C-alpha atoms as a PDB file:
ATOM      1  CA  MET A   1     -19.647 -19.931  47.826  1.00  0.00           C
ATOM      2  CA  THR A   2     -16.488 -21.374  48.926  1.00  0.00           C
ATOM      3  CA  PHE A   3     -14.299 -23.180  46.057  1.00  0.00           C
ATOM      4  CA  HIS A   4     -12.214 -26.444  45.776  1.00  0.00           C
ATOM      5  CA  VAL A   5      -9.447 -26.036  44.586  1.00  0.00           C
ATOM      6  CA  LEU A   6      -7.396 -29.728  43.794  1.00  0.00           C
ATOM      7  CA  VAL A   7      -3.378 -30.135  44.367  1.00  0.00           C
ATOM      8  CA  PRO A   8      -2.484 -33.859  43.231  1.00  0.00           C
ATOM      9  CA  ASP A   9       1.334 -33.194  43.234  1.00  0.00           C
ATOM     10  CA  SER A  10       3.642 -32.606  45.775  1.00  0.00           C
ATOM     11  CA  VAL A  11       3.596 -28.256  45.683  1.00  0.00           C
ATOM     12  CA  ASN A  12       5.347 -26.919  48.322  1.00  0.00           C
ATOM     13  CA  LYS A  13       2.921 -26.158  51.842  1.00  0.00           C
ATOM     14  CA  LYS A  14       2.996 -22.929  50.986  1.00  0.00           C
ATOM     15  CA  ALA A  15       0.502 -23.088  48.478  1.00  0.00           C
ATOM     16  CA  VAL A  16      -1.932 -24.999  50.701  1.00  0.00           C
ATOM     17  CA  GLU A  17      -1.464 -21.904  53.328  1.00  0.00           C
ATOM     18  CA  ILE A  18      -2.287 -19.299  50.458  1.00  0.00           C
ATOM     19  CA  LEU A  19      -5.515 -21.203  49.949  1.00  0.00           C
ATOM     20  CA  GLU A  20      -7.080 -21.910  52.912  1.00  0.00           C
ATOM     21  CA  GLN A  21      -6.446 -18.108  53.967  1.00  0.00           C
ATOM     22  CA  ALA A  22      -8.462 -16.724  51.129  1.00  0.00           C
ATOM     23  CA  GLY A  23     -11.857 -19.738  52.807  1.00  0.00           C
ATOM     24  CA  PHE A  24     -10.927 -22.316  49.824  1.00  0.00           C
ATOM     25  CA  LYS A  25     -11.357 -26.200  50.170  1.00  0.00           C
ATOM     26  CA  VAL A  26      -7.929 -27.532  49.275  1.00  0.00           C
ATOM     27  CA  THR A  27      -7.569 -31.182  48.610  1.00  0.00           C
ATOM     28  CA  ALA A  28      -3.970 -31.823  48.620  1.00  0.00           C
ATOM     29  CA  PRO A  29      -2.805 -34.946  49.590  1.00  0.00           C
ATOM     30  CA  GLY A  30       0.804 -34.506  48.099  1.00  0.00           C
ATOM     31  CA  GLN A  31       1.209 -36.920  44.720  1.00  0.00           C
ATOM     32  CA  MET A  32      -2.326 -38.177  44.112  1.00  0.00           C
ATOM     33  CA  LYS A  33      -2.682 -41.546  41.735  1.00  0.00           C
ATOM     34  CA  ARG A  34      -4.257 -40.764  37.978  1.00  0.00           C
ATOM     35  CA  GLU A  35      -7.254 -42.420  38.840  1.00  0.00           C
ATOM     36  CA  GLU A  36      -7.540 -40.127  42.237  1.00  0.00           C
ATOM     37  CA  THR A  37      -6.838 -37.344  40.261  1.00  0.00           C
ATOM     38  CA  LEU A  38      -9.617 -38.098  37.412  1.00  0.00           C
ATOM     39  CA  ALA A  39     -12.020 -38.631  40.413  1.00  0.00           C
ATOM     40  CA  ALA A  40     -11.644 -36.017  42.622  1.00  0.00           C
ATOM     41  CA  ILE A  41     -10.747 -33.244  39.054  1.00  0.00           C
ATOM     42  CA  ALA A  42     -15.575 -32.986  39.159  1.00  0.00           C
ATOM     43  CA  ASP A  43     -15.625 -31.474  42.232  1.00  0.00           C
ATOM     44  CA  ALA A  44     -12.746 -28.710  41.286  1.00  0.00           C
ATOM     45  CA  ASP A  45     -12.983 -25.666  40.619  1.00  0.00           C
ATOM     46  CA  ALA A  46      -9.359 -24.634  39.850  1.00  0.00           C
ATOM     47  CA  LEU A  47      -6.498 -26.853  39.286  1.00  0.00           C
ATOM     48  CA  ILE A  48      -2.460 -26.799  40.614  1.00  0.00           C
ATOM     49  CA  ILE A  49      -0.674 -28.837  39.475  1.00  0.00           C
ATOM     50  CA  ARG A  50       3.707 -29.634  38.848  1.00  0.00           C
ATOM     51  CA  SER A  51       4.893 -31.647  35.983  1.00  0.00           C
ATOM     52  CA  ALA A  52       3.536 -35.353  37.293  1.00  0.00           C
ATOM     53  CA  THR A  53       0.002 -34.346  36.618  1.00  0.00           C
ATOM     54  CA  LYS A  54      -0.890 -34.681  32.705  1.00  0.00           C
ATOM     55  CA  ALA A  55      -3.597 -32.149  32.553  1.00  0.00           C
ATOM     56  CA  ASP A  56      -4.788 -34.688  29.454  1.00  0.00           C
ATOM     57  CA  ALA A  57      -8.365 -33.943  27.911  1.00  0.00           C
ATOM     58  CA  ALA A  58      -9.545 -36.637  29.454  1.00  0.00           C
ATOM     59  CA  LEU A  59      -8.574 -34.861  32.992  1.00  0.00           C
ATOM     60  CA  ILE A  60     -10.485 -32.409  31.322  1.00  0.00           C
ATOM     61  CA  ASP A  61     -13.082 -33.857  30.206  1.00  0.00           C
ATOM     62  CA  ALA A  62     -14.091 -35.437  33.505  1.00  0.00           C
ATOM     63  CA  SER A  63     -13.886 -31.613  35.438  1.00  0.00           C
ATOM     64  CA  THR A  64     -17.560 -30.336  35.258  1.00  0.00           C
ATOM     65  CA  LYS A  65     -16.998 -26.176  36.145  1.00  0.00           C
ATOM     66  CA  LEU A  66     -12.905 -26.282  35.853  1.00  0.00           C
ATOM     67  CA  LYS A  67     -12.298 -22.644  35.549  1.00  0.00           C
ATOM     68  CA  ALA A  68      -8.391 -22.766  35.819  1.00  0.00           C
ATOM     69  CA  ILE A  69      -5.507 -24.311  36.566  1.00  0.00           C
ATOM     70  CA  ALA A  70      -2.405 -23.559  37.531  1.00  0.00           C
ATOM     71  CA  ARG A  71       1.088 -24.979  36.523  1.00  0.00           C
ATOM     72  CA  ALA A  72       3.631 -24.737  39.595  1.00  0.00           C
ATOM     73  CA  GLY A  73       6.449 -24.160  37.194  1.00  0.00           C
ATOM     74  CA  VAL A  74       6.974 -22.124  33.075  1.00  0.00           C
ATOM     75  CA  GLY A  75       5.531 -25.087  30.510  1.00  0.00           C
ATOM     76  CA  VAL A  76       2.527 -26.221  30.307  1.00  0.00           C
ATOM     77  CA  ASP A  77       3.853 -29.587  28.411  1.00  0.00           C
ATOM     78  CA  ASN A  78       1.283 -31.584  30.653  1.00  0.00           C
ATOM     79  CA  VAL A  79      -1.722 -29.472  30.163  1.00  0.00           C
ATOM     80  CA  ASP A  80      -4.082 -30.202  26.441  1.00  0.00           C
ATOM     81  CA  LEU A  81      -4.191 -27.164  25.854  1.00  0.00           C
ATOM     82  CA  ALA A  82      -6.696 -27.728  23.654  1.00  0.00           C
ATOM     83  CA  ALA A  83      -9.145 -29.572  25.343  1.00  0.00           C
ATOM     84  CA  ALA A  84      -8.777 -26.903  27.977  1.00  0.00           C
ATOM     85  CA  SER A  85      -9.425 -23.567  25.863  1.00  0.00           C
ATOM     86  CA  ALA A  86     -13.106 -25.908  24.763  1.00  0.00           C
ATOM     87  CA  LYS A  87     -14.000 -25.308  27.881  1.00  0.00           C
ATOM     88  CA  LYS A  88     -12.534 -21.931  28.417  1.00  0.00           C
ATOM     89  CA  ILE A  89     -10.514 -23.030  31.233  1.00  0.00           C
ATOM     90  CA  ALA A  90      -7.524 -20.699  31.885  1.00  0.00           C
ATOM     91  CA  VAL A  91      -3.998 -21.882  31.427  1.00  0.00           C
ATOM     92  CA  MET A  92      -1.544 -19.900  33.587  1.00  0.00           C
ATOM     93  CA  ASN A  93       2.013 -20.432  34.436  1.00  0.00           C
ATOM     94  CA  THR A  94       4.741 -19.025  37.263  1.00  0.00           C
ATOM     95  CA  PRO A  95       7.190 -18.027  35.363  1.00  0.00           C
ATOM     96  CA  ALA A  96       9.247 -15.792  37.656  1.00  0.00           C
ATOM     97  CA  GLY A  97       9.950 -17.642  39.764  1.00  0.00           C
ATOM     98  CA  ASN A  98      12.761 -20.550  38.349  1.00  0.00           C
ATOM     99  CA  THR A  99      14.467 -17.963  36.832  1.00  0.00           C
ATOM    100  CA  VAL A 100      17.219 -17.902  38.982  1.00  0.00           C
ATOM    101  CA  ALA A 101      17.448 -22.048  39.702  1.00  0.00           C
ATOM    102  CA  THR A 102      17.418 -22.510  35.812  1.00  0.00           C
ATOM    103  CA  ALA A 103      19.825 -20.220  35.033  1.00  0.00           C
ATOM    104  CA  GLU A 104      22.093 -21.268  37.790  1.00  0.00           C
ATOM    105  CA  PHE A 105      21.927 -24.967  36.524  1.00  0.00           C
ATOM    106  CA  ALA A 106      21.781 -24.184  32.818  1.00  0.00           C
ATOM    107  CA  PHE A 107      25.383 -22.958  33.902  1.00  0.00           C
ATOM    108  CA  GLY A 108      26.186 -25.578  35.814  1.00  0.00           C
ATOM    109  CA  LEU A 109      25.640 -27.431  33.171  1.00  0.00           C
ATOM    110  CA  MET A 110      27.895 -25.640  30.933  1.00  0.00           C
ATOM    111  CA  LEU A 111      31.767 -25.159  33.497  1.00  0.00           C
ATOM    112  CA  ALA A 112      30.519 -28.932  33.854  1.00  0.00           C
ATOM    113  CA  LEU A 113      31.047 -29.737  30.243  1.00  0.00           C
ATOM    114  CA  ALA A 114      34.039 -27.351  29.824  1.00  0.00           C
ATOM    115  CA  ARG A 115      36.190 -28.873  32.555  1.00  0.00           C
ATOM    116  CA  HIS A 116      34.725 -32.720  32.292  1.00  0.00           C
ATOM    117  CA  ILE A 117      33.403 -32.759  35.896  1.00  0.00           C
ATOM    118  CA  PRO A 118      31.069 -34.975  36.196  1.00  0.00           C
ATOM    119  CA  GLN A 119      33.178 -37.140  33.742  1.00  0.00           C
ATOM    120  CA  SER A 120      36.318 -36.767  36.227  1.00  0.00           C
ATOM    121  CA  HIS A 121      34.791 -37.427  38.973  1.00  0.00           C
ATOM    122  CA  SER A 122      33.410 -40.830  38.153  1.00  0.00           C
ATOM    123  CA  SER A 123      37.245 -41.921  37.835  1.00  0.00           C
ATOM    124  CA  MET A 124      37.401 -40.677  40.789  1.00  0.00           C
ATOM    125  CA  GLN A 125      35.060 -42.314  42.181  1.00  0.00           C
ATOM    126  CA  ASN A 126      36.199 -45.770  40.438  1.00  0.00           C
ATOM    127  CA  GLY A 127      39.827 -45.701  42.046  1.00  0.00           C
ATOM    128  CA  LYS A 128      41.574 -43.699  39.226  1.00  0.00           C
ATOM    129  CA  TRP A 129      44.023 -40.776  39.192  1.00  0.00           C
ATOM    130  CA  ASP A 130      43.850 -39.484  35.437  1.00  0.00           C
ATOM    131  CA  ARG A 131      44.153 -36.170  34.711  1.00  0.00           C
ATOM    132  CA  LYS A 132      45.531 -36.763  31.485  1.00  0.00           C
ATOM    133  CA  SER A 133      42.020 -37.574  29.600  1.00  0.00           C
ATOM    134  CA  TYR A 134      40.361 -34.690  31.409  1.00  0.00           C
ATOM    135  CA  GLN A 135      41.820 -31.529  30.076  1.00  0.00           C
ATOM    136  CA  GLY A 136      39.132 -28.969  29.421  1.00  0.00           C
ATOM    137  CA  VAL A 137      39.114 -25.356  28.639  1.00  0.00           C
ATOM    138  CA  GLU A 138      38.175 -21.820  29.941  1.00  0.00           C
ATOM    139  CA  LEU A 139      34.528 -19.706  29.476  1.00  0.00           C
ATOM    140  CA  ARG A 140      36.798 -16.879  29.441  1.00  0.00           C
ATOM    141  CA  GLY A 141      37.171 -15.359  26.046  1.00  0.00           C
ATOM    142  CA  LYS A 142      34.417 -17.912  24.579  1.00  0.00           C
ATOM    143  CA  THR A 143      31.241 -16.931  22.742  1.00  0.00           C
ATOM    144  CA  ILE A 144      28.111 -18.238  24.327  1.00  0.00           C
ATOM    145  CA  GLY A 145      25.121 -17.826  22.015  1.00  0.00           C
ATOM    146  CA  ILE A 146      21.607 -18.231  23.703  1.00  0.00           C
ATOM    147  CA  VAL A 147      18.668 -18.671  21.918  1.00  0.00           C
ATOM    148  CA  GLY A 148      16.135 -17.285  23.877  1.00  0.00           C
ATOM    149  CA  TYR A 149      16.477 -13.820  25.708  1.00  0.00           C
ATOM    150  CA  GLY A 150      13.492 -13.930  28.068  1.00  0.00           C
ATOM    151  CA  ARG A 151      13.923 -14.347  31.937  1.00  0.00           C
ATOM    152  CA  ILE A 152      16.405 -17.518  31.636  1.00  0.00           C
ATOM    153  CA  GLY A 153      18.484 -16.620  28.959  1.00  0.00           C
ATOM    154  CA  GLN A 154      18.948 -12.928  29.705  1.00  0.00           C
ATOM    155  CA  ALA A 155      20.062 -14.846  33.508  1.00  0.00           C
ATOM    156  CA  VAL A 156      22.509 -16.809  31.646  1.00  0.00           C
ATOM    157  CA  GLY A 157      23.818 -14.046  29.985  1.00  0.00           C
ATOM    158  CA  LYS A 158      24.400 -12.140  32.832  1.00  0.00           C
ATOM    159  CA  ARG A 159      26.149 -15.113  34.686  1.00  0.00           C
ATOM    160  CA  ALA A 160      28.103 -15.483  31.296  1.00  0.00           C
ATOM    161  CA  ALA A 161      29.396 -11.730  30.852  1.00  0.00           C
ATOM    162  CA  ALA A 162      30.538 -12.188  34.484  1.00  0.00           C
ATOM    163  CA  PHE A 163      32.937 -14.887  33.075  1.00  0.00           C
ATOM    164  CA  ASP A 164      34.387 -12.915  30.700  1.00  0.00           C
ATOM    165  CA  MET A 165      32.459 -14.435  28.025  1.00  0.00           C
ATOM    166  CA  SER A 166      30.822 -12.585  24.644  1.00  0.00           C
ATOM    167  CA  VAL A 167      27.259 -13.066  24.649  1.00  0.00           C
ATOM    168  CA  LEU A 168      24.993 -13.730  21.015  1.00  0.00           C
ATOM    169  CA  ALA A 169      21.622 -13.537  21.443  1.00  0.00           C
ATOM    170  CA  TYR A 170      18.659 -14.570  18.954  1.00  0.00           C
ATOM    171  CA  ASP A 171      14.882 -14.079  20.010  1.00  0.00           C
ATOM    172  CA  PRO A 172      12.415 -13.117  17.477  1.00  0.00           C
ATOM    173  CA  TYR A 173      10.015 -11.602  19.336  1.00  0.00           C
ATOM    174  CA  ILE A 174      12.215  -8.972  21.327  1.00  0.00           C
ATOM    175  CA  PRO A 175      13.877  -5.872  19.869  1.00  0.00           C
ATOM    176  CA  ALA A 176      17.526  -5.471  18.735  1.00  0.00           C
ATOM    177  CA  ASP A 177      17.831  -2.610  20.723  1.00  0.00           C
ATOM    178  CA  THR A 178      16.136  -4.234  24.032  1.00  0.00           C
ATOM    179  CA  ILE A 179      18.540  -6.727  23.586  1.00  0.00           C
ATOM    180  CA  ARG A 180      21.399  -5.349  23.126  1.00  0.00           C
ATOM    181  CA  LYS A 181      20.699  -2.633  26.234  1.00  0.00           C
ATOM    182  CA  ILE A 182      20.297  -5.964  28.510  1.00  0.00           C
ATOM    183  CA  GLY A 183      23.738  -6.586  27.813  1.00  0.00           C
ATOM    184  CA  ALA A 184      24.054  -8.965  24.979  1.00  0.00           C
ATOM    185  CA  GLU A 185      24.640  -8.554  20.568  1.00  0.00           C
ATOM    186  CA  PRO A 186      21.380  -9.923  18.647  1.00  0.00           C
ATOM    187  CA  VAL A 187      22.166 -11.962  15.564  1.00  0.00           C
ATOM    188  CA  THR A 188      19.912 -14.461  13.465  1.00  0.00           C
ATOM    189  CA  LEU A 189      20.229 -17.761  14.411  1.00  0.00           C
ATOM    190  CA  ASP A 190      22.521 -18.572  11.359  1.00  0.00           C
ATOM    191  CA  GLU A 191      25.357 -16.630  12.782  1.00  0.00           C
ATOM    192  CA  LEU A 192      24.276 -17.704  16.485  1.00  0.00           C
ATOM    193  CA  PHE A 193      25.115 -20.671  14.809  1.00  0.00           C
ATOM    194  CA  ALA A 194      28.301 -20.376  13.005  1.00  0.00           C
ATOM    195  CA  GLN A 195      29.828 -18.074  15.909  1.00  0.00           C
ATOM    196  CA  SER A 196      29.253 -19.310  19.523  1.00  0.00           C
ATOM    197  CA  ASP A 197      31.892 -21.449  21.193  1.00  0.00           C
ATOM    198  CA  PHE A 198      28.788 -22.847  23.510  1.00  0.00           C
ATOM    199  CA  ILE A 199      25.142 -22.890  22.934  1.00  0.00           C
ATOM    200  CA  SER A 200      22.382 -22.277  25.643  1.00  0.00           C
ATOM    201  CA  LEU A 201      18.810 -23.165  24.743  1.00  0.00           C
ATOM    202  CA  HIS A 202      16.190 -21.520  26.175  1.00  0.00           C
ATOM    203  CA  SER A 203      13.005 -21.154  23.526  1.00  0.00           C
ATOM    204  CA  VAL A 204       9.739 -22.411  23.337  1.00  0.00           C
ATOM    205  CA  ILE A 205       8.619 -25.411  21.336  1.00  0.00           C
ATOM    206  CA  THR A 206       7.086 -23.531  17.962  1.00  0.00           C
ATOM    207  CA  ASP A 207       6.745 -24.914  14.453  1.00  0.00           C
ATOM    208  CA  GLU A 208      10.183 -23.364  13.525  1.00  0.00           C
ATOM    209  CA  THR A 209      12.192 -24.605  17.039  1.00  0.00           C
ATOM    210  CA  ARG A 210      11.134 -27.874  17.603  1.00  0.00           C
ATOM    211  CA  GLY A 211      14.023 -30.116  16.011  1.00  0.00           C
ATOM    212  CA  MET A 212      16.332 -26.918  15.661  1.00  0.00           C
ATOM    213  CA  ILE A 213      19.543 -29.058  16.688  1.00  0.00           C
ATOM    214  CA  ASN A 214      19.816 -30.737  13.901  1.00  0.00           C
ATOM    215  CA  ALA A 215      22.174 -32.269  11.080  1.00  0.00           C
ATOM    216  CA  SER A 216      21.617 -29.024   9.215  1.00  0.00           C
ATOM    217  CA  ASN A 217      22.322 -26.748  11.746  1.00  0.00           C
ATOM    218  CA  ILE A 218      24.935 -28.342  13.295  1.00  0.00           C
ATOM    219  CA  ALA A 219      26.862 -28.390  10.008  1.00  0.00           C
ATOM    220  CA  LYS A 220      26.502 -24.281  10.190  1.00  0.00           C
ATOM    221  CA  MET A 221      28.640 -24.287  13.807  1.00  0.00           C
ATOM    222  CA  LYS A 222      32.167 -24.557  14.990  1.00  0.00           C
ATOM    223  CA  LYS A 223      33.909 -27.390  14.697  1.00  0.00           C
ATOM    224  CA  GLY A 224      34.874 -28.849  18.686  1.00  0.00           C
ATOM    225  CA  VAL A 225      31.177 -26.375  19.849  1.00  0.00           C
ATOM    226  CA  ARG A 226      29.123 -27.374  23.616  1.00  0.00           C
ATOM    227  CA  ILE A 227      25.158 -27.446  24.062  1.00  0.00           C
ATOM    228  CA  VAL A 228      23.440 -27.267  26.718  1.00  0.00           C
ATOM    229  CA  ASN A 229      19.283 -27.744  26.809  1.00  0.00           C
ATOM    230  CA  ALA A 230      17.585 -26.907  30.304  1.00  0.00           C
ATOM    231  CA  ALA A 231      14.935 -26.036  27.987  1.00  0.00           C
ATOM    232  CA  ARG A 232      12.680 -28.550  26.032  1.00  0.00           C
ATOM    233  CA  GLY A 233      13.436 -31.760  24.624  1.00  0.00           C
ATOM    234  CA  ALA A 234      11.929 -31.593  21.244  1.00  0.00           C
ATOM    235  CA  LEU A 235      13.865 -28.715  20.499  1.00  0.00           C
ATOM    236  CA  ILE A 236      16.693 -31.462  19.526  1.00  0.00           C
ATOM    237  CA  ASN A 237      16.836 -33.759  17.042  1.00  0.00           C
ATOM    238  CA  ASP A 238      18.181 -36.640  19.676  1.00  0.00           C
ATOM    239  CA  ALA A 239      19.935 -39.264  16.508  1.00  0.00           C
ATOM    240  CA  GLU A 240      21.707 -36.198  14.361  1.00  0.00           C
ATOM    241  CA  LEU A 241      23.236 -34.468  17.741  1.00  0.00           C
ATOM    242  CA  ALA A 242      23.980 -38.127  18.594  1.00  0.00           C
ATOM    243  CA  GLU A 243      25.951 -38.369  15.430  1.00  0.00           C
ATOM    244  CA  ALA A 244      27.573 -35.563  16.185  1.00  0.00           C
ATOM    245  CA  LEU A 245      28.933 -35.920  19.821  1.00  0.00           C
ATOM    246  CA  LYS A 246      29.908 -39.298  18.363  1.00  0.00           C
ATOM    247  CA  SER A 247      32.413 -37.610  15.252  1.00  0.00           C
ATOM    248  CA  GLY A 248      33.333 -34.718  17.183  1.00  0.00           C
ATOM    249  CA  GLN A 249      31.703 -31.738  15.362  1.00  0.00           C
ATOM    250  CA  VAL A 250      30.002 -31.234  18.826  1.00  0.00           C
ATOM    251  CA  ALA A 251      32.735 -31.658  21.347  1.00  0.00           C
ATOM    252  CA  GLY A 252      29.475 -32.023  24.094  1.00  0.00           C
ATOM    253  CA  ALA A 253      26.641 -31.483  25.229  1.00  0.00           C
ATOM    254  CA  ALA A 254      24.698 -31.623  28.542  1.00  0.00           C
ATOM    255  CA  PHE A 255      20.818 -32.284  28.856  1.00  0.00           C
ATOM    256  CA  ASP A 256      18.123 -31.962  31.649  1.00  0.00           C
ATOM    257  CA  VAL A 257      15.128 -31.538  29.280  1.00  0.00           C
ATOM    258  CA  TYR A 258      14.349 -35.360  27.363  1.00  0.00           C
ATOM    259  CA  THR A 259      11.649 -35.548  24.693  1.00  0.00           C
ATOM    260  CA  GLU A 260      10.420 -38.338  26.694  1.00  0.00           C
ATOM    261  CA  GLU A 261      10.668 -38.427  30.695  1.00  0.00           C
ATOM    262  CA  PRO A 262      12.395 -40.325  31.882  1.00  0.00           C
ATOM    263  CA  PRO A 263      14.614 -41.276  28.131  1.00  0.00           C
ATOM    264  CA  PRO A 264      14.287 -44.726  27.454  1.00  0.00           C
ATOM    265  CA  ALA A 265      16.874 -46.931  28.236  1.00  0.00           C
ATOM    266  CA  ASP A 266      18.155 -47.526  24.561  1.00  0.00           C
ATOM    267  CA  HIS A 267      18.360 -43.373  23.969  1.00  0.00           C
ATOM    268  CA  PRO A 268      20.317 -42.721  21.689  1.00  0.00           C
ATOM    269  CA  PHE A 269      22.558 -39.882  24.537  1.00  0.00           C
ATOM    270  CA  ILE A 270      22.966 -42.716  27.256  1.00  0.00           C
ATOM    271  CA  GLY A 271      26.438 -43.857  27.190  1.00  0.00           C
ATOM    272  CA  LEU A 272      28.709 -41.274  25.569  1.00  0.00           C
ATOM    273  CA  PRO A 273      31.346 -39.954  27.147  1.00  0.00           C
ATOM    274  CA  ASN A 274      30.915 -36.542  25.537  1.00  0.00           C
ATOM    275  CA  VAL A 275      27.450 -36.453  27.499  1.00  0.00           C
ATOM    276  CA  ILE A 276      25.967 -35.083  30.746  1.00  0.00           C
ATOM    277  CA  ASP A 277      23.152 -36.401  31.865  1.00  0.00           C
ATOM    278  CA  THR A 278      20.365 -34.702  34.950  1.00  0.00           C
ATOM    279  CA  PRO A 279      17.027 -35.550  35.101  1.00  0.00           C
ATOM    280  CA  HIS A 280      15.532 -32.499  34.554  1.00  0.00           C
ATOM    281  CA  LEU A 281      16.899 -30.764  37.928  1.00  0.00           C
ATOM    282  CA  ALA A 282      16.664 -27.378  36.788  1.00  0.00           C
ATOM    283  CA  ALA A 283      14.085 -25.741  39.145  1.00  0.00           C
ATOM    284  CA  SER A 284      14.514 -28.187  41.900  1.00  0.00           C
ATOM    285  CA  THR A 285      15.979 -25.698  44.589  1.00  0.00           C
ATOM    286  CA  ASP A 286      14.775 -24.921  47.593  1.00  0.00           C
ATOM    287  CA  GLU A 287      14.211 -21.751  46.784  1.00  0.00           C
ATOM    288  CA  ALA A 288      12.884 -22.013  43.273  1.00  0.00           C
ATOM    289  CA  GLN A 289       9.756 -24.328  44.329  1.00  0.00           C
ATOM    290  CA  VAL A 290       8.404 -21.975  47.383  1.00  0.00           C
ATOM    291  CA  ALA A 291       8.599 -19.111  44.703  1.00  0.00           C
ATOM    292  CA  VAL A 292       6.399 -21.532  42.038  1.00  0.00           C
ATOM    293  CA  ALA A 293       4.141 -22.860  44.913  1.00  0.00           C
ATOM    294  CA  ILE A 294       3.145 -19.076  46.114  1.00  0.00           C
ATOM    295  CA  GLU A 295       2.778 -17.357  42.991  1.00  0.00           C
ATOM    296  CA  ALA A 296       0.540 -20.252  41.473  1.00  0.00           C
ATOM    297  CA  ALA A 297      -1.349 -20.022  44.837  1.00  0.00           C
ATOM    298  CA  GLU A 298      -1.587 -16.250  44.185  1.00  0.00           C
ATOM    299  CA  LEU A 299      -2.748 -16.849  40.783  1.00  0.00           C
ATOM    300  CA  ILE A 300      -5.568 -19.535  41.537  1.00  0.00           C
ATOM    301  CA  VAL A 301      -6.960 -16.716  44.564  1.00  0.00           C
ATOM    302  CA  ALA A 302      -6.741 -13.360  42.160  1.00  0.00           C
ATOM    303  CA  ALA A 303      -8.349 -16.095  39.016  1.00  0.00           C
ATOM    304  CA  LEU A 304     -11.815 -17.448  41.547  1.00  0.00           C
ATOM    305  CA  GLN A 305     -12.194 -14.320  43.658  1.00  0.00           C
ATOM    306  CA  LYS A 306     -11.315 -11.308  41.784  1.00  0.00           C
ATOM    307  CA  GLY A 307     -11.985 -12.846  38.095  1.00  0.00           C
ATOM    308  CA  GLU A 308      -8.102 -11.499  37.648  1.00  0.00           C
ATOM    309  CA  PHE A 309      -6.965 -14.294  35.201  1.00  0.00           C
ATOM    310  CA  LYS A 310      -2.153 -13.372  34.791  1.00  0.00           C
ATOM    311  CA  ASN A 311       0.319 -15.458  33.005  1.00  0.00           C
ATOM    312  CA  VAL A 312      -2.908 -17.257  31.242  1.00  0.00           C
ATOM    313  CA  VAL A 313      -1.160 -18.820  28.134  1.00  0.00           C
ATOM    314  CA  ASN A 314      -4.119 -19.665  26.458  1.00  0.00           C
ATOM    315  CA  ALA A 315      -5.458 -16.257  26.178  1.00  0.00           C
ATOM    316  CA  ASP A 316      -6.511 -15.657  22.664  1.00  0.00           C
ATOM    317  CA  ALA A 317      -8.566 -18.954  22.684  1.00  0.00           C
ATOM    318  CA  LEU A 318     -10.346 -18.125  25.606  1.00  0.00           C
ATOM    319  CA  LYS A 319     -11.623 -14.143  23.984  1.00  0.00           C
END
């Protein structure tokens, strides 16, 4: 039996090579249009996607023999987990490949916030020599609060410690002793908000974390706190954080992710002088894209050839 793997997104060629070496039929023409993907999914045993393809209920319902979906990346927001679970389709992600790229990017955003790097660059590009407006702050001696201390959060914490920052971490899924062993001080969320000079978000979306950066929690923070979000847009209440940025309660914020991507032209962060916006670039490195492509392909090979399903995010629903 020859398995058919559909790859409707632009995934590094290493993935195709691995799948073909395993003897699979691979359909990977580059970025496919929605209607092309819908037409091709019926014959696919497995699907590998990045963020462009929406594996929603319509796409999943159009499949007839799909057994696995591999997301070449960490987040599975673009996969309808309920629809996949209803058809007993395993949804797998690749959490390891993006770790360093995302941590470096988040830390880069924090440095850019501290020193007004994008704003001063823009000023220079407009022919100005304005040193007075862009005096910043050092990271040394400051406290960073990391919300979510998994792989990426830990990598950010390691880099923060190298900059002589104090590292606080909140993660309800990791024991306090473990957090201490890997270089951070475990705290409650309220303690993190109250003590941090910088806050970096690395949490998944749950009922508790959705919209966690809101007016109520911002009021608990130090005046002049700076916030970085390279995790999930839905962690932020956009309108309430925008007001705090205007008032100065929050000195600055940097975002690589948004509740709606791309964000609308009237998004409340657009145009604010103390905001840095980037278009979901954290995992966009040559190295990370190769790593997640290889990991996704290997997950599919193990699932189809050996019945071994790893990194399954809907495992409970498949029992």
